[in-house]
C-alpha atoms as a PDB file:
ATOM      1  CA  MET A   1      32.660 -14.649 -80.571  1.00  0.00           C
ATOM      2  CA  THR A   2      30.054 -12.408 -82.213  1.00  0.00           C
ATOM      3  CA  ASN A   3      29.431  -8.696 -81.778  1.00  0.00           C
ATOM      4  CA  GLU A   4      25.985  -7.689 -83.042  1.00  0.00           C
ATOM      5  CA  THR A   5      25.758  -4.109 -84.264  1.00  0.00           C
ATOM      6  CA  LYS A   6      22.302  -3.994 -85.834  1.00  0.00           C
ATOM      7  CA  THR A   7      19.120  -5.951 -85.154  1.00  0.00           C
ATOM      8  CA  THR A   8      15.697  -5.695 -86.785  1.00  0.00           C
ATOM      9  CA  GLU A   9      12.567  -7.815 -86.535  1.00  0.00           C
ATOM     10  CA  ASN A  10      13.904 -10.467 -88.919  1.00  0.00           C
ATOM     11  CA  SER A  11      17.595  -9.730 -89.458  1.00  0.00           C
ATOM     12  CA  ARG A  12      20.837  -9.410 -87.510  1.00  0.00           C
ATOM     13  CA  GLU A  13      24.274  -8.190 -88.458  1.00  0.00           C
ATOM     14  CA  GLY A  14      27.571  -7.635 -86.745  1.00  0.00           C
ATOM     15  CA  TYR A  15      31.128  -8.915 -86.574  1.00  0.00           C
ATOM     16  CA  ILE A  16      32.787 -12.226 -85.800  1.00  0.00           C
ATOM     17  CA  LYS A  17      36.325 -12.561 -84.511  1.00  0.00           C
ATOM     18  CA  VAL A  18      38.338 -14.914 -86.751  1.00  0.00           C
ATOM     19  CA  THR A  19      42.023 -15.589 -87.265  1.00  0.00           C
ATOM     20  CA  GLY A  20      43.558 -12.327 -88.470  1.00  0.00           C
ATOM     21  CA  GLY A  21      40.740  -9.924 -87.646  1.00  0.00           C
ATOM     22  CA  GLN A  22      36.988  -9.392 -87.630  1.00  0.00           C
ATOM     23  CA  ILE A  23      34.608 -10.286 -90.435  1.00  0.00           C
ATOM     24  CA  TRP A  24      31.225  -8.693 -91.068  1.00  0.00           C
ATOM     25  CA  TYR A  25      28.110 -10.869 -91.298  1.00  0.00           C
ATOM     26  CA  LYS A  26      24.374 -10.520 -91.798  1.00  0.00           C
ATOM     27  CA  ILE A  27      21.578 -12.998 -91.163  1.00  0.00           C
ATOM     28  CA  ALA A  28      18.494 -12.192 -93.249  1.00  0.00           C
ATOM     29  CA  GLY A  29      15.367 -14.048 -92.176  1.00  0.00           C
ATOM     30  CA  ALA A  30      16.789 -14.592 -88.695  1.00  0.00           C
ATOM     31  CA  ASP A  31      13.260 -15.308 -87.436  1.00  0.00           C
ATOM     32  CA  LYS A  32      12.813 -18.339 -89.743  1.00  0.00           C
ATOM     33  CA  ASN A  33      13.357 -21.885 -88.514  1.00  0.00           C
ATOM     34  CA  LYS A  34      14.293 -23.883 -91.629  1.00  0.00           C
ATOM     35  CA  THR A  35      17.892 -24.975 -92.186  1.00  0.00           C
ATOM     36  CA  PRO A  36      20.043 -21.857 -92.814  1.00  0.00           C
ATOM     37  CA  LEU A  37      21.871 -21.173 -96.075  1.00  0.00           C
ATOM     38  CA  ILE A  38      25.361 -19.679 -95.807  1.00  0.00           C
ATOM     39  CA  VAL A  39      26.586 -17.785 -98.883  1.00  0.00           C
ATOM     40  CA  LEU A  40      30.231 -17.757-100.012  1.00  0.00           C
ATOM     41  CA  HIS A  41      31.028 -14.831-102.297  1.00  0.00           C
ATOM     42  CA  GLY A  42      33.416 -14.905-105.231  1.00  0.00           C
ATOM     43  CA  GLY A  43      36.544 -13.058-106.198  1.00  0.00           C
ATOM     44  CA  PRO A  44      38.813 -13.921-104.592  1.00  0.00           C
ATOM     45  CA  ALA A  45      38.374 -10.641-102.718  1.00  0.00           C
ATOM     46  CA  ALA A  46      34.946  -9.484-103.885  1.00  0.00           C
ATOM     47  CA  SER A  47      32.208  -9.085-101.229  1.00  0.00           C
ATOM     48  CA  HIS A  48      28.645 -10.071-100.429  1.00  0.00           C
ATOM     49  CA  TYR A  49      27.222  -6.968-102.151  1.00  0.00           C
ATOM     50  CA  TYR A  50      26.592  -8.524-105.582  1.00  0.00           C
ATOM     51  CA  LEU A  51      24.840 -11.483-103.958  1.00  0.00           C
ATOM     52  CA  ALA A  52      22.431  -9.310-101.976  1.00  0.00           C
ATOM     53  CA  PRO A  53      19.420 -10.218-104.214  1.00  0.00           C
ATOM     54  CA  LEU A  54      19.612 -13.725-102.739  1.00  0.00           C
ATOM     55  CA  GLU A  55      18.043 -12.210 -99.642  1.00  0.00           C
ATOM     56  CA  ALA A  56      14.779 -13.051-101.428  1.00  0.00           C
ATOM     57  CA  LEU A  57      15.355 -16.630-100.253  1.00  0.00           C
ATOM     58  CA  SER A  58      14.986 -15.507 -96.629  1.00  0.00           C
ATOM     59  CA  ASN A  59      11.204 -15.735 -96.731  1.00  0.00           C
ATOM     60  CA  GLU A  60      11.569 -19.355 -95.555  1.00  0.00           C
ATOM     61  CA  ARG A  61      15.014 -19.723 -93.990  1.00  0.00           C
ATOM     62  CA  PRO A  62      17.890 -17.680 -92.581  1.00  0.00           C
ATOM     63  CA  ILE A  63      20.311 -16.545 -95.295  1.00  0.00           C
ATOM     64  CA  ILE A  64      23.777 -15.799 -93.953  1.00  0.00           C
ATOM     65  CA  PHE A  65      26.022 -13.397 -95.837  1.00  0.00           C
ATOM     66  CA  TYR A  66      29.543 -12.487 -94.825  1.00  0.00           C
ATOM     67  CA  ASP A  67      32.532 -10.662 -96.262  1.00  0.00           C
ATOM     68  CA  GLN A  68      35.667 -12.758 -96.222  1.00  0.00           C
ATOM     69  CA  LEU A  69      38.647 -11.256 -94.417  1.00  0.00           C
ATOM     70  CA  GLY A  70      40.153  -8.484 -96.539  1.00  0.00           C
ATOM     71  CA  CYS A  71      36.868  -7.805 -98.325  1.00  0.00           C
ATOM     72  CA  GLY A  72      33.847  -5.527 -98.134  1.00  0.00           C
ATOM     73  CA  SER A  73      33.010  -4.438 -94.588  1.00  0.00           C
ATOM     74  CA  SER A  74      35.433  -6.870 -92.920  1.00  0.00           C
ATOM     75  CA  ASP A  75      38.903  -6.026 -91.631  1.00  0.00           C
ATOM     76  CA  LYS A  76      41.590  -5.657 -94.293  1.00  0.00           C
ATOM     77  CA  PRO A  77      44.908  -6.931 -92.933  1.00  0.00           C
ATOM     78  CA  THR A  78      47.844  -6.840 -95.343  1.00  0.00           C
ATOM     79  CA  ASP A  79      49.491 -10.027 -94.064  1.00  0.00           C
ATOM     80  CA  LYS A  80      49.728 -12.254 -97.152  1.00  0.00           C
ATOM     81  CA  SER A  81      49.942 -15.380 -94.994  1.00  0.00           C
ATOM     82  CA  LEU A  82      46.177 -14.884 -94.524  1.00  0.00           C
ATOM     83  CA  TRP A  83      45.519 -14.855 -98.281  1.00  0.00           C
ATOM     84  CA  THR A  84      45.283 -18.634 -98.645  1.00  0.00           C
ATOM     85  CA  ILE A  85      42.508 -21.117 -99.220  1.00  0.00           C
ATOM     86  CA  GLU A  86      43.496 -22.730 -95.917  1.00  0.00           C
ATOM     87  CA  HIS A  87      42.745 -19.491 -94.088  1.00  0.00           C
ATOM     88  CA  PHE A  88      39.352 -19.040 -95.728  1.00  0.00           C
ATOM     89  CA  ILE A  89      38.403 -22.639 -94.904  1.00  0.00           C
ATOM     90  CA  GLU A  90      39.308 -22.027 -91.263  1.00  0.00           C
ATOM     91  CA  GLU A  91      37.337 -18.776 -91.388  1.00  0.00           C
ATOM     92  CA  LEU A  92      34.220 -20.613 -92.552  1.00  0.00           C
ATOM     93  CA  SER A  93      34.582 -23.100 -89.694  1.00  0.00           C
ATOM     94  CA  GLN A  94      34.951 -20.267 -87.202  1.00  0.00           C
ATOM     95  CA  ILE A  95      31.818 -18.576 -88.541  1.00  0.00           C
ATOM     96  CA  ARG A  96      29.789 -21.780 -88.206  1.00  0.00           C
ATOM     97  CA  THR A  97      30.982 -22.181 -84.634  1.00  0.00           C
ATOM     98  CA  ALA A  98      30.315 -18.548 -83.686  1.00  0.00           C
ATOM     99  CA  LEU A  99      26.789 -18.617 -85.133  1.00  0.00           C
ATOM    100  CA  GLY A 100      25.988 -22.131 -83.903  1.00  0.00           C
ATOM    101  CA  LEU A 101      25.307 -23.483 -87.395  1.00  0.00           C
ATOM    102  CA  LYS A 102      25.117 -27.210 -86.692  1.00  0.00           C
ATOM    103  CA  LYS A 103      23.088 -27.925 -89.857  1.00  0.00           C
ATOM    104  CA  VAL A 104      23.476 -25.725 -92.916  1.00  0.00           C
ATOM    105  CA  HIS A 105      23.213 -25.491 -96.683  1.00  0.00           C
ATOM    106  CA  ILE A 106      26.203 -23.894 -98.439  1.00  0.00           C
ATOM    107  CA  LEU A 107      25.939 -21.769-101.594  1.00  0.00           C
ATOM    108  CA  GLY A 108      29.182 -20.742-103.268  1.00  0.00           C
ATOM    109  CA  HIS A 109      29.577 -18.538-106.320  1.00  0.00           C
ATOM    110  CA  SER A 110      32.705 -18.576-108.525  1.00  0.00           C
ATOM    111  CA  TRP A 111      35.720 -18.573-106.142  1.00  0.00           C
ATOM    112  CA  GLY A 112      33.142 -19.451-103.481  1.00  0.00           C
ATOM    113  CA  THR A 113      32.667 -22.840-105.180  1.00  0.00           C
ATOM    114  CA  MET A 114      36.392 -23.553-104.766  1.00  0.00           C
ATOM    115  CA  LEU A 115      36.146 -22.615-101.103  1.00  0.00           C
ATOM    116  CA  ALA A 116      33.060 -24.785-100.589  1.00  0.00           C
ATOM    117  CA  ILE A 117      34.613 -27.837-102.233  1.00  0.00           C
ATOM    118  CA  ASP A 118      37.908 -27.539-100.337  1.00  0.00           C
ATOM    119  CA  TYR A 119      36.001 -27.052 -97.091  1.00  0.00           C
ATOM    120  CA  MET A 120      34.235 -30.358 -97.759  1.00  0.00           C
ATOM    121  CA  LEU A 121      37.308 -32.262 -98.958  1.00  0.00           C
ATOM    122  CA  ARG A 122      39.768 -31.067 -96.339  1.00  0.00           C
ATOM    123  CA  LEU A 123      37.604 -30.984 -93.218  1.00  0.00           C
ATOM    124  CA  SER A 124      34.769 -33.468 -93.930  1.00  0.00           C
ATOM    125  CA  PRO A 125      32.478 -31.204 -91.884  1.00  0.00           C
ATOM    126  CA  LYS A 126      29.304 -32.547 -90.301  1.00  0.00           C
ATOM    127  CA  GLY A 127      25.868 -31.066 -90.794  1.00  0.00           C
ATOM    128  CA  ILE A 128      26.118 -30.037 -94.451  1.00  0.00           C
ATOM    129  CA  VAL A 129      22.661 -30.708 -95.867  1.00  0.00           C
ATOM    130  CA  SER A 130      23.437 -29.652 -99.448  1.00  0.00           C
ATOM    131  CA  LEU A 131      25.720 -27.625-101.696  1.00  0.00           C
ATOM    132  CA  VAL A 132      24.819 -25.095-104.396  1.00  0.00           C
ATOM    133  CA  LEU A 133      27.758 -24.347-106.696  1.00  0.00           C
ATOM    134  CA  SER A 134      27.051 -21.433-109.033  1.00  0.00           C
ATOM    135  CA  GLY A 135      29.454 -20.459-111.823  1.00  0.00           C
ATOM    136  CA  PRO A 136      31.816 -23.214-110.634  1.00  0.00           C
ATOM    137  CA  CYS A 137      35.587 -23.182-110.977  1.00  0.00           C
ATOM    138  CA  LEU A 138      36.891 -26.553-109.826  1.00  0.00           C
ATOM    139  CA  SER A 139      39.791 -26.753-112.265  1.00  0.00           C
ATOM    140  CA  VAL A 140      41.699 -23.537-112.964  1.00  0.00           C
ATOM    141  CA  LYS A 141      43.321 -25.129-116.004  1.00  0.00           C
ATOM    142  CA  MET A 142      39.893 -25.899-117.486  1.00  0.00           C
ATOM    143  CA  TRP A 143      38.689 -22.391-116.605  1.00  0.00           C
ATOM    144  CA  GLY A 144      41.692 -20.825-118.316  1.00  0.00           C
ATOM    145  CA  LEU A 145      41.252 -22.879-121.486  1.00  0.00           C
ATOM    146  CA  ASP A 146      37.580 -21.902-121.660  1.00  0.00           C
ATOM    147  CA  GLN A 147      38.434 -18.198-121.335  1.00  0.00           C
ATOM    148  CA  ARG A 148      40.978 -18.518-124.156  1.00  0.00           C
ATOM    149  CA  LYS A 149      38.248 -19.956-126.380  1.00  0.00           C
ATOM    150  CA  TYR A 150      36.020 -17.010-125.523  1.00  0.00           C
ATOM    151  CA  LEU A 151      38.853 -14.589-126.291  1.00  0.00           C
ATOM    152  CA  LEU A 152      39.058 -15.959-129.825  1.00  0.00           C
ATOM    153  CA  GLU A 153      35.466 -14.794-130.323  1.00  0.00           C
ATOM    154  CA  LEU A 154      36.321 -11.156-129.512  1.00  0.00           C
ATOM    155  CA  PRO A 155      37.019  -8.579-132.251  1.00  0.00           C
ATOM    156  CA  ARG A 156      40.555  -8.985-133.601  1.00  0.00           C
ATOM    157  CA  GLN A 157      41.676  -5.601-132.243  1.00  0.00           C
ATOM    158  CA  MET A 158      40.689  -6.544-128.700  1.00  0.00           C
ATOM    159  CA  GLN A 159      42.436  -9.883-128.972  1.00  0.00           C
ATOM    160  CA  GLU A 160      45.610  -8.084-129.993  1.00  0.00           C
ATOM    161  CA  ILE A 161      45.320  -5.589-127.108  1.00  0.00           C
ATOM    162  CA  ILE A 162      44.944  -8.410-124.583  1.00  0.00           C
ATOM    163  CA  LEU A 163      47.834 -10.450-125.978  1.00  0.00           C
ATOM    164  CA  LYS A 164      50.058  -7.379-126.158  1.00  0.00           C
ATOM    165  CA  THR A 165      49.238  -6.428-122.578  1.00  0.00           C
ATOM    166  CA  GLU A 166      50.046  -9.909-121.310  1.00  0.00           C
ATOM    167  CA  LYS A 167      53.511  -9.471-122.805  1.00  0.00           C
ATOM    168  CA  THR A 168      54.109  -5.913-121.556  1.00  0.00           C
ATOM    169  CA  GLY A 169      52.407  -6.303-118.182  1.00  0.00           C
ATOM    170  CA  ASN A 170      50.693  -2.901-118.472  1.00  0.00           C
ATOM    171  CA  PHE A 171      47.350  -4.133-117.170  1.00  0.00           C
ATOM    172  CA  SER A 172      46.258  -0.674-116.017  1.00  0.00           C
ATOM    173  CA  SER A 173      46.131   0.831-119.531  1.00  0.00           C
ATOM    174  CA  LYS A 174      42.798   2.234-120.699  1.00  0.00           C
ATOM    175  CA  GLU A 175      42.756   0.119-123.858  1.00  0.00           C
ATOM    176  CA  TYR A 176      43.201  -3.048-121.836  1.00  0.00           C
ATOM    177  CA  GLN A 177      40.531  -2.011-119.312  1.00  0.00           C
ATOM    178  CA  ASP A 178      38.143  -1.272-122.189  1.00  0.00           C
ATOM    179  CA  ALA A 179      38.799  -4.713-123.686  1.00  0.00           C
ATOM    180  CA  MET A 180      38.201  -6.280-120.274  1.00  0.00           C
ATOM    181  CA  LEU A 181      34.891  -4.465-119.886  1.00  0.00           C
ATOM    182  CA  TYR A 182      33.781  -5.649-123.337  1.00  0.00           C
ATOM    183  CA  TYR A 183      34.593  -9.209-122.304  1.00  0.00           C
ATOM    184  CA  TYR A 184      32.852  -8.868-118.942  1.00  0.00           C
ATOM    185  CA  LYS A 185      29.670  -7.595-120.594  1.00  0.00           C
ATOM    186  CA  LEU A 186      29.543 -10.818-122.593  1.00  0.00           C
ATOM    187  CA  HIS A 187      30.524 -13.363-119.943  1.00  0.00           C
ATOM    188  CA  LEU A 188      30.402 -11.797-116.459  1.00  0.00           C
ATOM    189  CA  CYS A 189      27.100  -9.883-116.566  1.00  0.00           C
ATOM    190  CA  ARG A 190      25.038  -9.174-119.689  1.00  0.00           C
ATOM    191  CA  LEU A 191      22.722  -6.608-118.063  1.00  0.00           C
ATOM    192  CA  ASP A 192      23.056  -3.024-119.288  1.00  0.00           C
ATOM    193  CA  PRO A 193      23.581  -1.107-117.118  1.00  0.00           C
ATOM    194  CA  TRP A 194      25.009  -3.360-114.446  1.00  0.00           C
ATOM    195  CA  PRO A 195      22.976  -3.546-111.224  1.00  0.00           C
ATOM    196  CA  ASN A 196      24.181  -1.237-108.471  1.00  0.00           C
ATOM    197  CA  CYS A 197      25.044  -4.200-106.251  1.00  0.00           C
ATOM    198  CA  LEU A 198      27.517  -5.521-108.839  1.00  0.00           C
ATOM    199  CA  SER A 199      29.053  -2.105-109.467  1.00  0.00           C
ATOM    200  CA  LYS A 200      29.439  -1.674-105.704  1.00  0.00           C
ATOM    201  CA  ALA A 201      31.185  -5.047-105.421  1.00  0.00           C
ATOM    202  CA  PHE A 202      33.570  -4.169-108.261  1.00  0.00           C
ATOM    203  CA  GLY A 203      34.253  -0.736-106.809  1.00  0.00           C
ATOM    204  CA  GLY A 204      35.131  -2.136-103.396  1.00  0.00           C
ATOM    205  CA  MET A 205      37.101  -5.169-104.511  1.00  0.00           C
ATOM    206  CA  ASN A 206      40.473  -5.783-102.857  1.00  0.00           C
ATOM    207  CA  TYR A 207      42.594  -6.113-105.983  1.00  0.00           C
ATOM    208  CA  GLU A 208      45.769  -6.846-104.025  1.00  0.00           C
ATOM    209  CA  ILE A 209      44.263 -10.127-102.840  1.00  0.00           C
ATOM    210  CA  TYR A 210      42.742 -10.812-106.268  1.00  0.00           C
ATOM    211  CA  LYS A 211      46.076 -10.333-108.037  1.00  0.00           C
ATOM    212  CA  TYR A 212      47.945 -12.363-105.421  1.00  0.00           C
ATOM    213  CA  MET A 213      45.574 -15.340-105.433  1.00  0.00           C
ATOM    214  CA  TRP A 214      44.254 -15.188-109.004  1.00  0.00           C
ATOM    215  CA  GLY A 215      46.046 -12.731-111.286  1.00  0.00           C
ATOM    216  CA  PRO A 216      45.474  -9.485-113.209  1.00  0.00           C
ATOM    217  CA  SER A 217      42.306 -10.701-114.961  1.00  0.00           C
ATOM    218  CA  GLU A 218      39.857 -13.574-115.314  1.00  0.00           C
ATOM    219  CA  PHE A 219      41.880 -15.009-118.203  1.00  0.00           C
ATOM    220  CA  THR A 220      45.437 -14.131-117.139  1.00  0.00           C
ATOM    221  CA  ILE A 221      45.869 -16.492-114.200  1.00  0.00           C
ATOM    222  CA  THR A 222      49.225 -16.100-112.460  1.00  0.00           C
ATOM    223  CA  GLY A 223      48.339 -16.217-108.751  1.00  0.00           C
ATOM    224  CA  THR A 224      48.607 -18.841-106.038  1.00  0.00           C
ATOM    225  CA  LEU A 225      45.435 -20.606-107.232  1.00  0.00           C
ATOM    226  CA  GLN A 226      46.757 -21.219-110.754  1.00  0.00           C
ATOM    227  CA  ASN A 227      47.276 -24.964-110.153  1.00  0.00           C
ATOM    228  CA  TYR A 228      44.006 -25.523-108.298  1.00  0.00           C
ATOM    229  CA  ASP A 229      42.253 -28.694-109.540  1.00  0.00           C
ATOM    230  CA  ARG A 230      39.820 -30.901-107.631  1.00  0.00           C
ATOM    231  CA  ILE A 231      38.346 -32.912-110.507  1.00  0.00           C
ATOM    232  CA  ASN A 232      39.771 -36.229-109.313  1.00  0.00           C
ATOM    233  CA  ASP A 233      38.363 -35.736-105.806  1.00  0.00           C
ATOM    234  CA  LEU A 234      34.806 -34.724-106.655  1.00  0.00           C
ATOM    235  CA  TYR A 235      33.521 -38.283-106.241  1.00  0.00           C
ATOM    236  CA  LYS A 236      34.126 -37.837-102.491  1.00  0.00           C
ATOM    237  CA  ILE A 237      31.439 -35.150-102.202  1.00  0.00           C
ATOM    238  CA  LYS A 238      28.459 -36.776-100.468  1.00  0.00           C
ATOM    239  CA  PRO A 239      25.754 -34.117 -99.903  1.00  0.00           C
ATOM    240  CA  PRO A 240      23.232 -33.456-102.690  1.00  0.00           C
ATOM    241  CA  THR A 241      24.749 -30.813-104.962  1.00  0.00           C
ATOM    242  CA  LEU A 242      23.216 -28.358-107.417  1.00  0.00           C
ATOM    243  CA  PHE A 243      25.413 -26.831-110.121  1.00  0.00           C
ATOM    244  CA  THR A 244      24.194 -23.697-111.886  1.00  0.00           C
ATOM    245  CA  CYS A 245      25.674 -21.621-114.672  1.00  0.00           C
ATOM    246  CA  GLY A 246      24.651 -19.294-117.464  1.00  0.00           C
ATOM    247  CA  GLU A 247      24.579 -20.112-121.165  1.00  0.00           C
ATOM    248  CA  PHE A 248      27.453 -17.639-121.724  1.00  0.00           C
ATOM    249  CA  ASP A 249      29.088 -18.108-118.315  1.00  0.00           C
ATOM    250  CA  GLU A 250      32.830 -17.897-117.767  1.00  0.00           C
ATOM    251  CA  ALA A 251      32.143 -21.212-116.068  1.00  0.00           C
ATOM    252  CA  THR A 252      30.920 -22.792-119.294  1.00  0.00           C
ATOM    253  CA  PRO A 253      27.961 -25.199-119.385  1.00  0.00           C
ATOM    254  CA  GLN A 254      30.369 -27.862-120.671  1.00  0.00           C
ATOM    255  CA  ALA A 255      32.672 -27.427-117.669  1.00  0.00           C
ATOM    256  CA  ALA A 256      29.764 -27.360-115.199  1.00  0.00           C
ATOM    257  CA  ASP A 257      28.347 -30.524-116.764  1.00  0.00           C
ATOM    258  CA  TYR A 258      31.747 -32.208-116.493  1.00  0.00           C
ATOM    259  CA  TYR A 259      31.951 -31.396-112.776  1.00  0.00           C
ATOM    260  CA  HIS A 260      28.340 -32.434-112.217  1.00  0.00           C
ATOM    261  CA  LYS A 261      28.966 -35.886-113.676  1.00  0.00           C
ATOM    262  CA  LYS A 262      31.813 -36.400-111.178  1.00  0.00           C
ATOM    263  CA  ILE A 263      29.554 -35.987-108.126  1.00  0.00           C
ATOM    264  CA  PRO A 264      27.090 -38.869-107.611  1.00  0.00           C
ATOM    265  CA  GLN A 265      24.197 -36.896-106.047  1.00  0.00           C
ATOM    266  CA  SER A 266      24.277 -33.820-108.244  1.00  0.00           C
ATOM    267  CA  GLU A 267      22.278 -31.989-110.862  1.00  0.00           C
ATOM    268  CA  LEU A 268      22.860 -29.097-113.252  1.00  0.00           C
ATOM    269  CA  PHE A 269      20.712 -26.146-114.283  1.00  0.00           C
ATOM    270  CA  VAL A 270      21.795 -23.849-117.126  1.00  0.00           C
ATOM    271  CA  PHE A 271      20.162 -20.403-117.342  1.00  0.00           C
ATOM    272  CA  LYS A 272      19.479 -19.469-120.956  1.00  0.00           C
ATOM    273  CA  GLY A 273      20.750 -16.102-122.146  1.00  0.00           C
ATOM    274  CA  ALA A 274      22.671 -15.521-118.922  1.00  0.00           C
ATOM    275  CA  SER A 275      26.332 -15.411-117.905  1.00  0.00           C
ATOM    276  CA  HIS A 276      28.472 -15.701-114.764  1.00  0.00           C
ATOM    277  CA  ASN A 277      26.181 -13.562-112.631  1.00  0.00           C
ATOM    278  CA  HIS A 278      23.056 -15.441-113.663  1.00  0.00           C
ATOM    279  CA  HIS A 279      21.622 -14.836-110.198  1.00  0.00           C
ATOM    280  CA  LEU A 280      21.405 -11.142-111.214  1.00  0.00           C
ATOM    281  CA  GLU A 281      20.272 -11.659-114.794  1.00  0.00           C
ATOM    282  CA  LYS A 282      17.618 -14.248-113.873  1.00  0.00           C
ATOM    283  CA  THR A 283      17.004 -13.507-110.197  1.00  0.00           C
ATOM    284  CA  LYS A 284      13.459 -14.864-109.840  1.00  0.00           C
ATOM    285  CA  GLU A 285      14.221 -18.009-111.810  1.00  0.00           C
ATOM    286  CA  TYR A 286      17.490 -18.563-109.957  1.00  0.00           C
ATOM    287  CA  CYS A 287      15.881 -18.172-106.534  1.00  0.00           C
ATOM    288  CA  LYS A 288      13.098 -20.586-107.459  1.00  0.00           C
ATOM    289  CA  VAL A 289      15.566 -23.208-108.728  1.00  0.00           C
ATOM    290  CA  VAL A 290      17.669 -22.909-105.569  1.00  0.00           C
ATOM    291  CA  ASP A 291      14.660 -22.825-103.237  1.00  0.00           C
ATOM    292  CA  ASP A 292      13.122 -25.913-104.855  1.00  0.00           C
ATOM    293  CA  PHE A 293      16.442 -27.740-104.576  1.00  0.00           C
ATOM    294  CA  LEU A 294      16.895 -26.866-100.890  1.00  0.00           C
ATOM    295  CA  LYS A 295      13.356 -28.019-100.080  1.00  0.00           C
ATOM    296  CA  THR A 296      13.902 -31.287-101.941  1.00  0.00           C
ATOM    297  CA  THR A 297      17.086 -32.058-100.002  1.00  0.00           C
ATOM    298  CA  GLU A 298      15.337 -31.351 -96.716  1.00  0.00           C
ATOM    299  CA  SER A 299      12.497 -33.736 -97.520  1.00  0.00           C
ATOM    300  CA  GLU A 300      14.754 -36.673 -98.390  1.00  0.00           C
END
């Protein structure tokens, strides 16, 4: 069931009833007739805000954004039984049904790549034309090891602050937050200042869900997803798949290449000089790479 709250000449937005509450959605380019692209935001527990520049892709097809339950403009229930990958898979299915998305491309970023892959592996859904997996995390163990390598490149003082904090558990201290920000400016987003859409996403993030599912930081992984690993199942992914990452991405080019080689119909594009949010650092290039890929899959 959908409840539209705002309609313009080429966009629609509103709410969809899903298990546990209502989620907010927007369809940019609603007047276009090519296969829609549905966008899965990262986090866990971020929002669509930082992915808003992808609306540039709506000049040829509908682009569907939504805030996962507990995030952004969607309802924020506190029931932890809803904070599972199983729930978010079901939520995606409910959104497709409510919006009548029989054929669709899926683009996931960061945690969104985990959601996209589990959606494919667990439900074997019909009508998926292609996948775009940006800043992929398909093995949390591999992700964690890569972050530890990056940490060794930080100034010694910051390394010591991070290690000390992991022992004391005082993750809210200013010195730890400063060290985190230094790290994020190297590997999360290298733009200075950060775009407003990214700052808005950070400011509105539901950290209770993030800590529960992931942990206190990108490199201190203690949440329910800590044992997530789908490497041995990637060969089962059938739709054409595009992996993207930045040269300095938290999702390292080496990890993305490893995943890419596990999926038969896949390719990899690495954005030079960019990091995890390469869609913000290289927006025009990113949109062209994605658009070209989507068109290619539709012509096959």
